[in-house]
């Protein structure tokens, strides 16, 4: 996919940021003049969402090259019960209009947003060789005591690993 887009929306949980996230951000950055990266917030900390949005943003920013990603705008979105609420919030706050392009592998977004006039591009459509890791798998590795999780973590996650007690936080909620 070589098409260049004016603006792409990229919602991500980043629990925590890993190399797969960075790979996707790199690719999306190549395809667009402006990337609106939306960190979806969790209302509470639990095994699914052990890190606060501000922590995830700090880990992500430390992982990205500022010069290379100056056109990536990082925003936050609160947690919502329904995709309808997410859609309405995004429309009001991120200039999401009909025809906007959202990059996501989330089943909920893939199923709901096209019905509202948005084009959804899944990561597998733009990445030739996806890094085989997910936040869920990374957290499982941490819970299991598998130190290989560190080879999949984004550099900012490793930078803040001690300060944010990444291993302890994940284990606390397991």
C-alpha atoms as a PDB file:
ATOM      1  CA  UNK A   1       0.000   0.000   0.000  1.00  0.00           C
ATOM      2  CA  UNK A   2       1.878   3.054  -1.268  1.00  0.00           C
ATOM      3  CA  UNK A   3      -0.987   5.558  -1.247  1.00  0.00           C
ATOM      4  CA  UNK A   4      -0.276   8.738   0.740  1.00  0.00           C
ATOM      5  CA  UNK A   5      -3.088   9.999   2.963  1.00  0.00           C
ATOM      6  CA  UNK A   6      -3.710  13.495   4.265  1.00  0.00           C
ATOM      7  CA  UNK A   7      -4.571  12.241   7.760  1.00  0.00           C
ATOM      8  CA  UNK A   8      -4.844   8.849   9.457  1.00  0.00           C
ATOM      9  CA  UNK A   9      -6.352   7.995  12.831  1.00  0.00           C
ATOM     10  CA  UNK A  10      -4.586   5.351  14.888  1.00  0.00           C
ATOM     11  CA  UNK A  11      -6.335   4.313  18.136  1.00  0.00           C
ATOM     12  CA  UNK A  12      -4.146   2.173  20.427  1.00  0.00           C
ATOM     13  CA  UNK A  13      -4.303   0.837  24.000  1.00  0.00           C
ATOM     14  CA  UNK A  14      -0.515   0.447  24.383  1.00  0.00           C
ATOM     15  CA  UNK A  15      -0.686  -1.825  27.445  1.00  0.00           C
ATOM     16  CA  UNK A  16       2.354  -1.512  27.374  1.00  0.00           C
ATOM     17  CA  UNK A  17       3.965  -0.208  24.179  1.00  0.00           C
ATOM     18  CA  UNK A  18       5.829  -2.952  22.307  1.00  0.00           C
ATOM     19  CA  UNK A  19       7.750  -3.361  19.062  1.00  0.00           C
ATOM     20  CA  UNK A  20       4.582  -4.246  17.131  1.00  0.00           C
ATOM     21  CA  UNK A  21       3.111  -0.855  18.058  1.00  0.00           C
ATOM     22  CA  UNK A  22       6.291   0.930  16.990  1.00  0.00           C
ATOM     23  CA  UNK A  23       6.391  -0.994  13.711  1.00  0.00           C
ATOM     24  CA  UNK A  24       2.790   0.033  12.964  1.00  0.00           C
ATOM     25  CA  UNK A  25       3.400   3.685  13.898  1.00  0.00           C
ATOM     26  CA  UNK A  26       6.475   3.710  11.625  1.00  0.00           C
ATOM     27  CA  UNK A  27       4.454   2.375   8.695  1.00  0.00           C
ATOM     28  CA  UNK A  28       1.475   4.659   9.267  1.00  0.00           C
ATOM     29  CA  UNK A  29       3.895   7.612   9.483  1.00  0.00           C
ATOM     30  CA  UNK A  30       5.206   6.754   6.021  1.00  0.00           C
ATOM     31  CA  UNK A  31       1.668   6.742   4.613  1.00  0.00           C
ATOM     32  CA  UNK A  32       0.354  10.013   5.969  1.00  0.00           C
ATOM     33  CA  UNK A  33       1.144  13.701   6.329  1.00  0.00           C
ATOM     34  CA  UNK A  34      -0.575  13.702   9.724  1.00  0.00           C
ATOM     35  CA  UNK A  35      -1.211  10.870  12.177  1.00  0.00           C
ATOM     36  CA  UNK A  36      -3.636  11.280  15.057  1.00  0.00           C
ATOM     37  CA  UNK A  37      -2.543   8.591  17.509  1.00  0.00           C
ATOM     38  CA  UNK A  38      -5.295   8.136  20.060  1.00  0.00           C
ATOM     39  CA  UNK A  39      -4.306   6.521  23.342  1.00  0.00           C
ATOM     40  CA  UNK A  40      -7.454   4.939  24.636  1.00  0.00           C
ATOM     41  CA  UNK A  41      -7.705   5.388  28.386  1.00  0.00           C
ATOM     42  CA  UNK A  42      -8.763   2.797  30.882  1.00  0.00           C
ATOM     43  CA  UNK A  43     -11.149   3.873  33.618  1.00  0.00           C
ATOM     44  CA  UNK A  44      -9.423   1.657  36.142  1.00  0.00           C
ATOM     45  CA  UNK A  45      -6.311  -0.415  36.501  1.00  0.00           C
ATOM     46  CA  UNK A  46      -6.741  -4.144  36.052  1.00  0.00           C
ATOM     47  CA  UNK A  47      -5.062  -7.069  34.285  1.00  0.00           C
ATOM     48  CA  UNK A  48      -6.297  -5.757  30.934  1.00  0.00           C
ATOM     49  CA  UNK A  49      -5.174  -2.156  31.601  1.00  0.00           C
ATOM     50  CA  UNK A  50      -2.316  -2.059  34.139  1.00  0.00           C
ATOM     51  CA  UNK A  51      -0.899   1.326  33.027  1.00  0.00           C
ATOM     52  CA  UNK A  52      -2.380   4.818  33.175  1.00  0.00           C
ATOM     53  CA  UNK A  53      -2.682   6.794  29.931  1.00  0.00           C
ATOM     54  CA  UNK A  54       0.013   9.309  30.973  1.00  0.00           C
ATOM     55  CA  UNK A  55       2.433   6.430  31.643  1.00  0.00           C
ATOM     56  CA  UNK A  56       1.686   4.852  28.266  1.00  0.00           C
ATOM     57  CA  UNK A  57       2.218   8.193  26.563  1.00  0.00           C
ATOM     58  CA  UNK A  58       5.580   8.668  28.331  1.00  0.00           C
ATOM     59  CA  UNK A  59       6.686   5.152  27.296  1.00  0.00           C
ATOM     60  CA  UNK A  60       5.550   5.778  23.719  1.00  0.00           C
ATOM     61  CA  UNK A  61       7.201   9.208  23.396  1.00  0.00           C
ATOM     62  CA  UNK A  62      10.488   7.762  24.675  1.00  0.00           C
ATOM     63  CA  UNK A  63      10.187   5.050  21.988  1.00  0.00           C
ATOM     64  CA  UNK A  64       9.644   7.402  19.038  1.00  0.00           C
ATOM     65  CA  UNK A  65      12.201   9.531  17.241  1.00  0.00           C
ATOM     66  CA  UNK A  66      10.877  13.109  17.621  1.00  0.00           C
ATOM     67  CA  UNK A  67      12.434  14.293  14.356  1.00  0.00           C
ATOM     68  CA  UNK A  68      10.994  11.406  12.378  1.00  0.00           C
ATOM     69  CA  UNK A  69       7.552  11.550  14.027  1.00  0.00           C
ATOM     70  CA  UNK A  70       6.897  15.289  14.319  1.00  0.00           C
ATOM     71  CA  UNK A  71       3.659  14.822  12.348  1.00  0.00           C
ATOM     72  CA  UNK A  72       2.311  12.313  14.902  1.00  0.00           C
ATOM     73  CA  UNK A  73      -0.110  13.999  17.296  1.00  0.00           C
ATOM     74  CA  UNK A  74      -0.794  12.032  20.475  1.00  0.00           C
ATOM     75  CA  UNK A  75      -4.244  12.440  22.012  1.00  0.00           C
ATOM     76  CA  UNK A  76      -6.188  10.672  24.743  1.00  0.00           C
ATOM     77  CA  UNK A  77      -9.685   9.200  24.683  1.00  0.00           C
ATOM     78  CA  UNK A  78     -11.571   8.173  27.832  1.00  0.00           C
ATOM     79  CA  UNK A  79     -13.022   4.704  28.194  1.00  0.00           C
ATOM     80  CA  UNK A  80     -16.515   4.142  26.860  1.00  0.00           C
ATOM     81  CA  UNK A  81     -18.924   1.251  27.125  1.00  0.00           C
ATOM     82  CA  UNK A  82     -19.948   1.289  23.468  1.00  0.00           C
ATOM     83  CA  UNK A  83     -18.397   1.946  20.082  1.00  0.00           C
ATOM     84  CA  UNK A  84     -21.165   4.494  19.494  1.00  0.00           C
ATOM     85  CA  UNK A  85     -19.818   6.559  22.402  1.00  0.00           C
ATOM     86  CA  UNK A  86     -16.256   6.185  21.100  1.00  0.00           C
ATOM     87  CA  UNK A  87     -17.364   7.275  17.664  1.00  0.00           C
ATOM     88  CA  UNK A  88     -19.221  10.349  18.989  1.00  0.00           C
ATOM     89  CA  UNK A  89     -16.278  11.384  21.148  1.00  0.00           C
ATOM     90  CA  UNK A  90     -13.813  10.960  18.271  1.00  0.00           C
ATOM     91  CA  UNK A  91     -16.059  12.919  15.934  1.00  0.00           C
ATOM     92  CA  UNK A  92     -16.306  15.827  18.398  1.00  0.00           C
ATOM     93  CA  UNK A  93     -12.688  15.901  19.539  1.00  0.00           C
ATOM     94  CA  UNK A  94     -10.463  14.668  16.712  1.00  0.00           C
ATOM     95  CA  UNK A  95     -12.086  16.044  13.569  1.00  0.00           C
ATOM     96  CA  UNK A  96     -13.158  12.549  12.573  1.00  0.00           C
ATOM     97  CA  UNK A  97     -15.484  13.055   9.605  1.00  0.00           C
ATOM     98  CA  UNK A  98     -17.162  10.694   7.181  1.00  0.00           C
ATOM     99  CA  UNK A  99     -14.530   9.251   4.885  1.00  0.00           C
ATOM    100  CA  UNK A 100     -11.799   9.484   7.528  1.00  0.00           C
ATOM    101  CA  UNK A 101      -9.377   6.602   7.585  1.00  0.00           C
ATOM    102  CA  UNK A 102      -8.807   4.658  10.788  1.00  0.00           C
ATOM    103  CA  UNK A 103      -5.983   2.139  11.156  1.00  0.00           C
ATOM    104  CA  UNK A 104      -6.938  -0.551  13.634  1.00  0.00           C
ATOM    105  CA  UNK A 105      -6.985  -4.265  14.227  1.00  0.00           C
ATOM    106  CA  UNK A 106      -9.676  -3.956  16.897  1.00  0.00           C
ATOM    107  CA  UNK A 107     -12.632  -6.150  15.969  1.00  0.00           C
ATOM    108  CA  UNK A 108     -15.024  -3.584  17.417  1.00  0.00           C
ATOM    109  CA  UNK A 109     -13.628  -0.760  15.298  1.00  0.00           C
ATOM    110  CA  UNK A 110     -13.283  -2.952  12.199  1.00  0.00           C
ATOM    111  CA  UNK A 111     -16.961  -3.914  12.509  1.00  0.00           C
ATOM    112  CA  UNK A 112     -18.515  -0.648  13.709  1.00  0.00           C
ATOM    113  CA  UNK A 113     -16.707   2.211  12.015  1.00  0.00           C
ATOM    114  CA  UNK A 114     -17.281   1.283   8.329  1.00  0.00           C
ATOM    115  CA  UNK A 115     -21.028   1.362   9.050  1.00  0.00           C
ATOM    116  CA  UNK A 116     -20.573   5.045   9.877  1.00  0.00           C
ATOM    117  CA  UNK A 117     -18.775   5.897   6.656  1.00  0.00           C
ATOM    118  CA  UNK A 118     -15.156   5.383   7.698  1.00  0.00           C
ATOM    119  CA  UNK A 119     -12.543   3.355   5.931  1.00  0.00           C
ATOM    120  CA  UNK A 120     -10.717   1.000   8.274  1.00  0.00           C
ATOM    121  CA  UNK A 121      -7.289  -0.274   7.311  1.00  0.00           C
ATOM    122  CA  UNK A 122      -6.102  -3.256   9.325  1.00  0.00           C
ATOM    123  CA  UNK A 123      -2.396  -3.496  10.228  1.00  0.00           C
ATOM    124  CA  UNK A 124      -1.999  -6.710   8.225  1.00  0.00           C
ATOM    125  CA  UNK A 125      -3.008  -4.743   5.096  1.00  0.00           C
ATOM    126  CA  UNK A 126      -0.050  -2.365   5.358  1.00  0.00           C
ATOM    127  CA  UNK A 127       2.638  -4.372   7.144  1.00  0.00           C
ATOM    128  CA  UNK A 128       4.455  -6.928   5.022  1.00  0.00           C
ATOM    129  CA  UNK A 129       6.081  -8.691   7.933  1.00  0.00           C
ATOM    130  CA  UNK A 130       4.255  -7.997  11.200  1.00  0.00           C
ATOM    131  CA  UNK A 131       6.123  -8.527  14.457  1.00  0.00           C
ATOM    132  CA  UNK A 132       4.287 -11.360  16.172  1.00  0.00           C
ATOM    133  CA  UNK A 133       3.532  -9.795  19.569  1.00  0.00           C
ATOM    134  CA  UNK A 134       0.531  -8.280  21.296  1.00  0.00           C
ATOM    135  CA  UNK A 135       0.098  -6.435  24.560  1.00  0.00           C
ATOM    136  CA  UNK A 136      -1.804  -9.429  25.892  1.00  0.00           C
ATOM    137  CA  UNK A 137       1.039 -11.816  25.033  1.00  0.00           C
ATOM    138  CA  UNK A 138       3.628  -9.417  26.462  1.00  0.00           C
ATOM    139  CA  UNK A 139       1.712  -9.198  29.771  1.00  0.00           C
ATOM    140  CA  UNK A 140       1.377 -13.006  29.824  1.00  0.00           C
ATOM    141  CA  UNK A 141       5.149 -13.355  29.397  1.00  0.00           C
ATOM    142  CA  UNK A 142       5.718 -10.961  32.298  1.00  0.00           C
ATOM    143  CA  UNK A 143       3.243 -12.872  34.509  1.00  0.00           C
ATOM    144  CA  UNK A 144       5.000 -16.147  33.649  1.00  0.00           C
ATOM    145  CA  UNK A 145       8.383 -14.670  34.577  1.00  0.00           C
ATOM    146  CA  UNK A 146       9.582 -15.098  30.982  1.00  0.00           C
ATOM    147  CA  UNK A 147      12.350 -12.487  30.642  1.00  0.00           C
ATOM    148  CA  UNK A 148      12.068 -12.652  26.840  1.00  0.00           C
ATOM    149  CA  UNK A 149       9.275 -10.074  27.149  1.00  0.00           C
ATOM    150  CA  UNK A 150      12.057  -7.475  27.224  1.00  0.00           C
ATOM    151  CA  UNK A 151      13.073  -8.229  23.635  1.00  0.00           C
ATOM    152  CA  UNK A 152       9.539  -7.327  22.469  1.00  0.00           C
ATOM    153  CA  UNK A 153       9.050  -4.234  24.645  1.00  0.00           C
ATOM    154  CA  UNK A 154       9.446  -0.803  23.067  1.00  0.00           C
ATOM    155  CA  UNK A 155      12.574   1.052  24.186  1.00  0.00           C
ATOM    156  CA  UNK A 156      10.448   3.548  26.147  1.00  0.00           C
ATOM    157  CA  UNK A 157       8.773   0.699  28.009  1.00  0.00           C
ATOM    158  CA  UNK A 158      12.200  -0.543  29.017  1.00  0.00           C
ATOM    159  CA  UNK A 159      13.347   2.989  29.898  1.00  0.00           C
ATOM    160  CA  UNK A 160      10.455   3.340  32.362  1.00  0.00           C
ATOM    161  CA  UNK A 161      10.345  -0.335  33.427  1.00  0.00           C
ATOM    162  CA  UNK A 162      11.696   0.330  36.896  1.00  0.00           C
ATOM    163  CA  UNK A 163      10.030   3.697  37.541  1.00  0.00           C
ATOM    164  CA  UNK A 164       6.585   2.398  36.521  1.00  0.00           C
ATOM    165  CA  UNK A 165       7.268  -1.060  38.032  1.00  0.00           C
ATOM    166  CA  UNK A 166       6.198  -2.734  34.793  1.00  0.00           C
ATOM    167  CA  UNK A 167       6.735  -6.299  36.011  1.00  0.00           C
ATOM    168  CA  UNK A 168       5.213  -5.702  39.452  1.00  0.00           C
ATOM    169  CA  UNK A 169       2.212  -3.857  38.064  1.00  0.00           C
ATOM    170  CA  UNK A 170       1.412  -6.586  35.556  1.00  0.00           C
ATOM    171  CA  UNK A 171       1.829  -9.318  38.171  1.00  0.00           C
ATOM    172  CA  UNK A 172      -0.298  -7.398  40.681  1.00  0.00           C
ATOM    173  CA  UNK A 173      -3.310  -7.619  38.408  1.00  0.00           C
ATOM    174  CA  UNK A 174      -2.833 -11.217  37.285  1.00  0.00           C
END
